[in-house]
Amino acid sequence: MLPKAYRWVGEMEEISAFVGESGESDIHKGLASTFARIEKSLKGDGGDVEVLREFVEKGKKVLEERDGDVGKTVRGVQI
């Protein structure tokens, strides 16, 4: 998903516009900003992307320690 972050910027902006300014749009605006930051990181020094990857790896280890190696999936998502 990270290499295609640029695709999600517009999607999140469109959803934000659809739900309007009643407060629900804020999360989509935030996601658009996050995906834009990921895209910038991919084109730049990769610092933010590396932080995300480290976060995911640490999460995987926590889940494996907690649940054991149960088919490498958690809630239907391959880890």
PDB file of N, CA and C in Angstrom:
ATOM      1  N   MET A   1       0.817  -1.195   0.000  1.00  0.00           N
ATOM      2  CA  MET A   1       0.000   0.000   0.000  1.00  0.00           C
ATOM      3  C   MET A   1       0.864   1.263   0.000  1.00  0.00           C
ATOM      4  N   LEU A   2       1.995   1.216   0.641  1.00  0.00           N
ATOM      5  CA  LEU A   2       2.827   2.416   0.715  1.00  0.00           C
ATOM      6  C   LEU A   2       3.228   2.957  -0.652  1.00  0.00           C
ATOM      7  N   PRO A   3       3.647   2.107  -1.601  1.00  0.00           N
ATOM      8  CA  PRO A   3       4.036   2.656  -2.900  1.00  0.00           C
ATOM      9  C   PRO A   3       2.898   3.346  -3.649  1.00  0.00           C
ATOM     10  N   LYS A   4       1.665   3.062  -3.281  1.00  0.00           N
ATOM     11  CA  LYS A   4       0.524   3.675  -3.962  1.00  0.00           C
ATOM     12  C   LYS A   4      -0.178   4.704  -3.084  1.00  0.00           C
ATOM     13  N   ALA A   5       0.531   5.252  -2.127  1.00  0.00           N
ATOM     14  CA  ALA A   5      -0.055   6.237  -1.210  1.00  0.00           C
ATOM     15  C   ALA A   5      -0.642   7.423  -1.971  1.00  0.00           C
ATOM     16  N   TYR A   6      -0.002   7.801  -3.063  1.00  0.00           N
ATOM     17  CA  TYR A   6      -0.461   8.949  -3.846  1.00  0.00           C
ATOM     18  C   TYR A   6      -1.905   8.770  -4.308  1.00  0.00           C
ATOM     19  N   ARG A   7      -2.321   7.538  -4.540  1.00  0.00           N
ATOM     20  CA  ARG A   7      -3.681   7.279  -5.027  1.00  0.00           C
ATOM     21  C   ARG A   7      -4.730   7.559  -3.957  1.00  0.00           C
ATOM     22  N   TRP A   8      -4.340   7.420  -2.699  1.00  0.00           N
ATOM     23  CA  TRP A   8      -5.301   7.568  -1.609  1.00  0.00           C
ATOM     24  C   TRP A   8      -5.511   9.019  -1.198  1.00  0.00           C
ATOM     25  N   VAL A   9      -4.619   9.903  -1.573  1.00  0.00           N
ATOM     26  CA  VAL A   9      -4.774  11.323  -1.222  1.00  0.00           C
ATOM     27  C   VAL A   9      -6.084  11.846  -1.802  1.00  0.00           C
ATOM     28  N   GLY A  10      -6.265  11.702  -3.089  1.00  0.00           N
ATOM     29  CA  GLY A  10      -7.485  12.177  -3.748  1.00  0.00           C
ATOM     30  C   GLY A  10      -8.733  11.477  -3.258  1.00  0.00           C
ATOM     31  N   GLU A  11      -8.629  10.173  -3.005  1.00  0.00           N
ATOM     32  CA  GLU A  11      -9.777   9.408  -2.507  1.00  0.00           C
ATOM     33  C   GLU A  11     -10.266   9.978  -1.171  1.00  0.00           C
ATOM     34  N   MET A  12      -9.330  10.219  -0.274  1.00  0.00           N
ATOM     35  CA  MET A  12      -9.701  10.733   1.047  1.00  0.00           C
ATOM     36  C   MET A  12     -10.268  12.148   0.944  1.00  0.00           C
ATOM     37  N   GLU A  13      -9.710  12.953   0.048  1.00  0.00           N
ATOM     38  CA  GLU A  13     -10.234  14.314  -0.151  1.00  0.00           C
ATOM     39  C   GLU A  13     -11.657  14.262  -0.708  1.00  0.00           C
ATOM     40  N   GLU A  14     -11.918  13.329  -1.611  1.00  0.00           N
ATOM     41  CA  GLU A  14     -13.263  13.194  -2.172  1.00  0.00           C
ATOM     42  C   GLU A  14     -14.264  12.752  -1.117  1.00  0.00           C
ATOM     43  N   ILE A  15     -13.876  11.805  -0.295  1.00  0.00           N
ATOM     44  CA  ILE A  15     -14.774  11.352   0.771  1.00  0.00           C
ATOM     45  C   ILE A  15     -15.035  12.488   1.745  1.00  0.00           C
ATOM     46  N   SER A  16     -14.015  13.236   2.075  1.00  0.00           N
ATOM     47  CA  SER A  16     -14.169  14.376   2.978  1.00  0.00           C
ATOM     48  C   SER A  16     -15.169  15.379   2.423  1.00  0.00           C
ATOM     49  N   ALA A  17     -15.070  15.665   1.139  1.00  0.00           N
ATOM     50  CA  ALA A  17     -16.009  16.597   0.505  1.00  0.00           C
ATOM     51  C   ALA A  17     -17.419  16.030   0.505  1.00  0.00           C
ATOM     52  N   PHE A  18     -17.544  14.729   0.322  1.00  0.00           N
ATOM     53  CA  PHE A  18     -18.857  14.094   0.284  1.00  0.00           C
ATOM     54  C   PHE A  18     -19.562  14.179   1.638  1.00  0.00           C
ATOM     55  N   VAL A  19     -18.841  13.882   2.727  1.00  0.00           N
ATOM     56  CA  VAL A  19     -19.488  13.870   4.043  1.00  0.00           C
ATOM     57  C   VAL A  19     -19.726  15.270   4.588  1.00  0.00           C
ATOM     58  N   GLY A  20     -19.095  16.267   3.998  1.00  0.00           N
ATOM     59  CA  GLY A  20     -19.352  17.643   4.394  1.00  0.00           C
ATOM     60  C   GLY A  20     -18.529  18.108   5.570  1.00  0.00           C
ATOM     61  N   GLU A  21     -18.852  19.277   6.030  1.00  0.00           N
ATOM     62  CA  GLU A  21     -18.072  19.933   7.086  1.00  0.00           C
ATOM     63  C   GLU A  21     -18.661  19.738   8.478  1.00  0.00           C
ATOM     64  N   SER A  22     -19.427  18.683   8.684  1.00  0.00           N
ATOM     65  CA  SER A  22     -20.067  18.469   9.980  1.00  0.00           C
ATOM     66  C   SER A  22     -19.159  17.809  11.005  1.00  0.00           C
ATOM     67  N   GLY A  23     -17.898  17.684  10.712  1.00  0.00           N
ATOM     68  CA  GLY A  23     -16.948  17.088  11.635  1.00  0.00           C
ATOM     69  C   GLY A  23     -16.448  15.734  11.179  1.00  0.00           C
ATOM     70  N   GLU A  24     -17.317  14.978  10.505  1.00  0.00           N
ATOM     71  CA  GLU A  24     -16.902  13.666  10.037  1.00  0.00           C
ATOM     72  C   GLU A  24     -15.829  13.747   8.958  1.00  0.00           C
ATOM     73  N   SER A  25     -15.726  14.844   8.285  1.00  0.00           N
ATOM     74  CA  SER A  25     -14.750  14.981   7.211  1.00  0.00           C
ATOM     75  C   SER A  25     -13.319  15.127   7.732  1.00  0.00           C
ATOM     76  N   ASP A  26     -13.176  15.481   9.001  1.00  0.00           N
ATOM     77  CA  ASP A  26     -11.843  15.724   9.546  1.00  0.00           C
ATOM     78  C   ASP A  26     -10.943  14.496   9.461  1.00  0.00           C
ATOM     79  N   ILE A  27     -11.492  13.324   9.731  1.00  0.00           N
ATOM     80  CA  ILE A  27     -10.656  12.119   9.692  1.00  0.00           C
ATOM     81  C   ILE A  27     -10.145  11.868   8.281  1.00  0.00           C
ATOM     82  N   HIS A  28     -10.968  12.125   7.288  1.00  0.00           N
ATOM     83  CA  HIS A  28     -10.550  11.898   5.905  1.00  0.00           C
ATOM     84  C   HIS A  28      -9.533  12.947   5.455  1.00  0.00           C
ATOM     85  N   LYS A  29      -9.690  14.160   5.945  1.00  0.00           N
ATOM     86  CA  LYS A  29      -8.683  15.186   5.657  1.00  0.00           C
ATOM     87  C   LYS A  29      -7.346  14.782   6.277  1.00  0.00           C
ATOM     88  N   GLY A  30      -7.403  14.255   7.488  1.00  0.00           N
ATOM     89  CA  GLY A  30      -6.188  13.794   8.156  1.00  0.00           C
ATOM     90  C   GLY A  30      -5.534  12.638   7.427  1.00  0.00           C
ATOM     91  N   LEU A  31      -6.356  11.698   6.963  1.00  0.00           N
ATOM     92  CA  LEU A  31      -5.815  10.568   6.192  1.00  0.00           C
ATOM     93  C   LEU A  31      -5.195  11.041   4.885  1.00  0.00           C
ATOM     94  N   ALA A  32      -5.835  11.992   4.218  1.00  0.00           N
ATOM     95  CA  ALA A  32      -5.268  12.538   2.983  1.00  0.00           C
ATOM     96  C   ALA A  32      -3.897  13.148   3.263  1.00  0.00           C
ATOM     97  N   SER A  33      -3.798  13.874   4.371  1.00  0.00           N
ATOM     98  CA  SER A  33      -2.525  14.479   4.752  1.00  0.00           C
ATOM     99  C   SER A  33      -1.471  13.409   5.058  1.00  0.00           C
ATOM    100  N   THR A  34      -1.887  12.349   5.738  1.00  0.00           N
ATOM    101  CA  THR A  34      -0.966  11.259   6.063  1.00  0.00           C
ATOM    102  C   THR A  34      -0.455  10.580   4.804  1.00  0.00           C
ATOM    103  N   PHE A  35      -1.359  10.281   3.863  1.00  0.00           N
ATOM    104  CA  PHE A  35      -0.939   9.646   2.611  1.00  0.00           C
ATOM    105  C   PHE A  35      -0.044  10.569   1.791  1.00  0.00           C
ATOM    106  N   ALA A  36      -0.306  11.871   1.823  1.00  0.00           N
ATOM    107  CA  ALA A  36       0.561  12.822   1.123  1.00  0.00           C
ATOM    108  C   ALA A  36       1.961  12.820   1.743  1.00  0.00           C
ATOM    109  N   ARG A  37       2.004  12.699   3.068  1.00  0.00           N
ATOM    110  CA  ARG A  37       3.295  12.667   3.757  1.00  0.00           C
ATOM    111  C   ARG A  37       4.062  11.392   3.403  1.00  0.00           C
ATOM    112  N   ILE A  38       3.344  10.265   3.319  1.00  0.00           N
ATOM    113  CA  ILE A  38       3.978   9.009   2.918  1.00  0.00           C
ATOM    114  C   ILE A  38       4.534   9.126   1.505  1.00  0.00           C
ATOM    115  N   GLU A  39       3.739   9.693   0.610  1.00  0.00           N
ATOM    116  CA  GLU A  39       4.192   9.873  -0.771  1.00  0.00           C
ATOM    117  C   GLU A  39       5.458  10.727  -0.815  1.00  0.00           C
ATOM    118  N   LYS A  40       5.460  11.812  -0.054  1.00  0.00           N
ATOM    119  CA  LYS A  40       6.631  12.692  -0.010  1.00  0.00           C
ATOM    120  C   LYS A  40       7.848  11.932   0.537  1.00  0.00           C
ATOM    121  N   SER A  41       7.626  11.117   1.550  1.00  0.00           N
ATOM    122  CA  SER A  41       8.717  10.337   2.131  1.00  0.00           C
ATOM    123  C   SER A  41       9.270   9.325   1.129  1.00  0.00           C
ATOM    124  N   LEU A  42       8.375   8.683   0.377  1.00  0.00           N
ATOM    125  CA  LEU A  42       8.824   7.720  -0.632  1.00  0.00           C
ATOM    126  C   LEU A  42       9.691   8.375  -1.695  1.00  0.00           C
ATOM    127  N   LYS A  43       9.381   9.614  -2.039  1.00  0.00           N
ATOM    128  CA  LYS A  43      10.149  10.338  -3.055  1.00  0.00           C
ATOM    129  C   LYS A  43      11.386  11.005  -2.478  1.00  0.00           C
ATOM    130  N   GLY A  44      11.414  11.109  -1.161  1.00  0.00           N
ATOM    131  CA  GLY A  44      12.531  11.788  -0.500  1.00  0.00           C
ATOM    132  C   GLY A  44      13.448  10.822   0.214  1.00  0.00           C
ATOM    133  N   ASP A  45      13.705  11.123   1.476  1.00  0.00           N
ATOM    134  CA  ASP A  45      14.671  10.323   2.238  1.00  0.00           C
ATOM    135  C   ASP A  45      14.097   9.032   2.805  1.00  0.00           C
ATOM    136  N   GLY A  46      12.779   8.857   2.743  1.00  0.00           N
ATOM    137  CA  GLY A  46      12.162   7.622   3.228  1.00  0.00           C
ATOM    138  C   GLY A  46      12.064   7.509   4.732  1.00  0.00           C
ATOM    139  N   GLY A  47      12.356   8.580   5.437  1.00  0.00           N
ATOM    140  CA  GLY A  47      12.355   8.541   6.900  1.00  0.00           C
ATOM    141  C   GLY A  47      11.014   8.160   7.507  1.00  0.00           C
ATOM    142  N   ASP A  48       9.947   8.803   7.055  1.00  0.00           N
ATOM    143  CA  ASP A  48       8.622   8.492   7.597  1.00  0.00           C
ATOM    144  C   ASP A  48       8.204   7.071   7.249  1.00  0.00           C
ATOM    145  N   VAL A  49       8.525   6.622   6.054  1.00  0.00           N
ATOM    146  CA  VAL A  49       8.184   5.264   5.640  1.00  0.00           C
ATOM    147  C   VAL A  49       8.923   4.253   6.515  1.00  0.00           C
ATOM    148  N   GLU A  50      10.156   4.524   6.820  1.00  0.00           N
ATOM    149  CA  GLU A  50      10.924   3.615   7.667  1.00  0.00           C
ATOM    150  C   GLU A  50      10.325   3.549   9.070  1.00  0.00           C
ATOM    151  N   VAL A  51       9.881   4.674   9.591  1.00  0.00           N
ATOM    152  CA  VAL A  51       9.219   4.682  10.906  1.00  0.00           C
ATOM    153  C   VAL A  51       7.964   3.817  10.867  1.00  0.00           C
ATOM    154  N   LEU A  52       7.168   3.923   9.803  1.00  0.00           N
ATOM    155  CA  LEU A  52       5.969   3.101   9.665  1.00  0.00           C
ATOM    156  C   LEU A  52       6.322   1.620   9.585  1.00  0.00           C
ATOM    157  N   ARG A  53       7.328   1.291   8.830  1.00  0.00           N
ATOM    158  CA  ARG A  53       7.734  -0.114   8.704  1.00  0.00           C
ATOM    159  C   ARG A  53       8.199  -0.680  10.045  1.00  0.00           C
ATOM    160  N   GLU A  54       8.960   0.097  10.796  1.00  0.00           N
ATOM    161  CA  GLU A  54       9.412  -0.339  12.114  1.00  0.00           C
ATOM    162  C   GLU A  54       8.221  -0.541  13.047  1.00  0.00           C
ATOM    163  N   PHE A  55       7.247   0.353  12.975  1.00  0.00           N
ATOM    164  CA  PHE A  55       6.038   0.243  13.789  1.00  0.00           C
ATOM    165  C   PHE A  55       5.299  -1.058  13.473  1.00  0.00           C
ATOM    166  N   VAL A  56       5.150  -1.365  12.195  1.00  0.00           N
ATOM    167  CA  VAL A  56       4.449  -2.580  11.780  1.00  0.00           C
ATOM    168  C   VAL A  56       5.208  -3.819  12.253  1.00  0.00           C
ATOM    169  N   GLU A  57       6.524  -3.819  12.101  1.00  0.00           N
ATOM    170  CA  GLU A  57       7.323  -4.967  12.538  1.00  0.00           C
ATOM    171  C   GLU A  57       7.206  -5.180  14.043  1.00  0.00           C
ATOM    172  N   LYS A  58       7.232  -4.093  14.812  1.00  0.00           N
ATOM    173  CA  LYS A  58       7.076  -4.218  16.264  1.00  0.00           C
ATOM    174  C   LYS A  58       5.687  -4.761  16.604  1.00  0.00           C
ATOM    175  N   GLY A  59       4.679  -4.292  15.885  1.00  0.00           N
ATOM    176  CA  GLY A  59       3.321  -4.793  16.094  1.00  0.00           C
ATOM    177  C   GLY A  59       3.217  -6.279  15.799  1.00  0.00           C
ATOM    178  N   LYS A  60       3.859  -6.724  14.733  1.00  0.00           N
ATOM    179  CA  LYS A  60       3.854  -8.146  14.390  1.00  0.00           C
ATOM    180  C   LYS A  60       4.471  -8.974  15.514  1.00  0.00           C
ATOM    181  N   LYS A  61       5.595  -8.488  16.057  1.00  0.00           N
ATOM    182  CA  LYS A  61       6.265  -9.213  17.133  1.00  0.00           C
ATOM    183  C   LYS A  61       5.387  -9.293  18.373  1.00  0.00           C
ATOM    184  N   VAL A  62       4.719  -8.207  18.702  1.00  0.00           N
ATOM    185  CA  VAL A  62       3.824  -8.202  19.864  1.00  0.00           C
ATOM    186  C   VAL A  62       2.708  -9.223  19.669  1.00  0.00           C
ATOM    187  N   LEU A  63       2.111  -9.242  18.495  1.00  0.00           N
ATOM    188  CA  LEU A  63       1.031 -10.191  18.216  1.00  0.00           C
ATOM    189  C   LEU A  63       1.521 -11.629  18.230  1.00  0.00           C
ATOM    190  N   GLU A  64       2.699 -11.867  17.678  1.00  0.00           N
ATOM    191  CA  GLU A  64       3.251 -13.220  17.676  1.00  0.00           C
ATOM    192  C   GLU A  64       3.545 -13.682  19.098  1.00  0.00           C
ATOM    193  N   GLU A  65       4.067 -12.789  19.928  1.00  0.00           N
ATOM    194  CA  GLU A  65       4.343 -13.144  21.316  1.00  0.00           C
ATOM    195  C   GLU A  65       3.050 -13.404  22.076  1.00  0.00           C
ATOM    196  N   ARG A  66       2.035 -12.622  21.780  1.00  0.00           N
ATOM    197  CA  ARG A  66       0.760 -12.765  22.467  1.00  0.00           C
ATOM    198  C   ARG A  66      -0.013 -13.985  21.979  1.00  0.00           C
ATOM    199  N   ASP A  67      -0.091 -14.167  20.679  1.00  0.00           N
ATOM    200  CA  ASP A  67      -0.953 -15.189  20.095  1.00  0.00           C
ATOM    201  C   ASP A  67      -0.197 -16.397  19.576  1.00  0.00           C
ATOM    202  N   GLY A  68       1.105 -16.307  19.507  1.00  0.00           N
ATOM    203  CA  GLY A  68       1.861 -17.374  18.870  1.00  0.00           C
ATOM    204  C   GLY A  68       1.768 -17.228  17.363  1.00  0.00           C
ATOM    205  N   ASP A  69       2.418 -18.112  16.676  1.00  0.00           N
ATOM    206  CA  ASP A  69       2.423 -18.077  15.209  1.00  0.00           C
ATOM    207  C   ASP A  69       1.231 -18.877  14.698  1.00  0.00           C
ATOM    208  N   VAL A  70       0.061 -18.241  14.659  1.00  0.00           N
ATOM    209  CA  VAL A  70      -1.176 -18.917  14.267  1.00  0.00           C
ATOM    210  C   VAL A  70      -1.456 -18.623  12.803  1.00  0.00           C
ATOM    211  N   GLY A  71      -0.754 -19.306  11.920  1.00  0.00           N
ATOM    212  CA  GLY A  71      -1.005 -19.149  10.487  1.00  0.00           C
ATOM    213  C   GLY A  71      -0.662 -17.790   9.921  1.00  0.00           C
ATOM    214  N   LYS A  72       0.048 -16.986  10.672  1.00  0.00           N
ATOM    215  CA  LYS A  72       0.485 -15.672  10.208  1.00  0.00           C
ATOM    216  C   LYS A  72      -0.671 -14.758   9.797  1.00  0.00           C
ATOM    217  N   THR A  73      -1.849 -14.894  10.413  1.00  0.00           N
ATOM    218  CA  THR A  73      -2.946 -13.967  10.152  1.00  0.00           C
ATOM    219  C   THR A  73      -3.530 -13.506  11.482  1.00  0.00           C
ATOM    220  N   VAL A  74      -3.986 -12.272  11.472  1.00  0.00           N
ATOM    221  CA  VAL A  74      -4.675 -11.696  12.613  1.00  0.00           C
ATOM    222  C   VAL A  74      -5.926 -11.035  12.091  1.00  0.00           C
ATOM    223  N   ARG A  75      -7.049 -11.499  12.562  1.00  0.00           N
ATOM    224  CA  ARG A  75      -8.341 -10.965  12.127  1.00  0.00           C
ATOM    225  C   ARG A  75      -8.458 -10.956  10.604  1.00  0.00           C
ATOM    226  N   GLY A  76      -7.994 -12.017   9.994  1.00  0.00           N
ATOM    227  CA  GLY A  76      -8.105 -12.162   8.543  1.00  0.00           C
ATOM    228  C   GLY A  76      -7.051 -11.412   7.748  1.00  0.00           C
ATOM    229  N   VAL A  77      -6.121 -10.744   8.425  1.00  0.00           N
ATOM    230  CA  VAL A  77      -5.094  -9.969   7.740  1.00  0.00           C
ATOM    231  C   VAL A  77      -3.770 -10.709   7.886  1.00  0.00           C
ATOM    232  N   GLN A  78      -3.127 -10.958   6.780  1.00  0.00           N
ATOM    233  CA  GLN A  78      -1.830 -11.641   6.831  1.00  0.00           C
ATOM    234  C   GLN A  78      -0.794 -10.722   7.442  1.00  0.00           C
ATOM    235  N   ILE A  79      -0.044 -11.248   8.417  1.00  0.00           N
ATOM    236  CA  ILE A  79       0.990 -10.438   9.065  1.00  0.00           C
ATOM    237  C   ILE A  79       2.352 -10.956   8.719  1.00  0.00           C
TER     238      ILE A  79
END
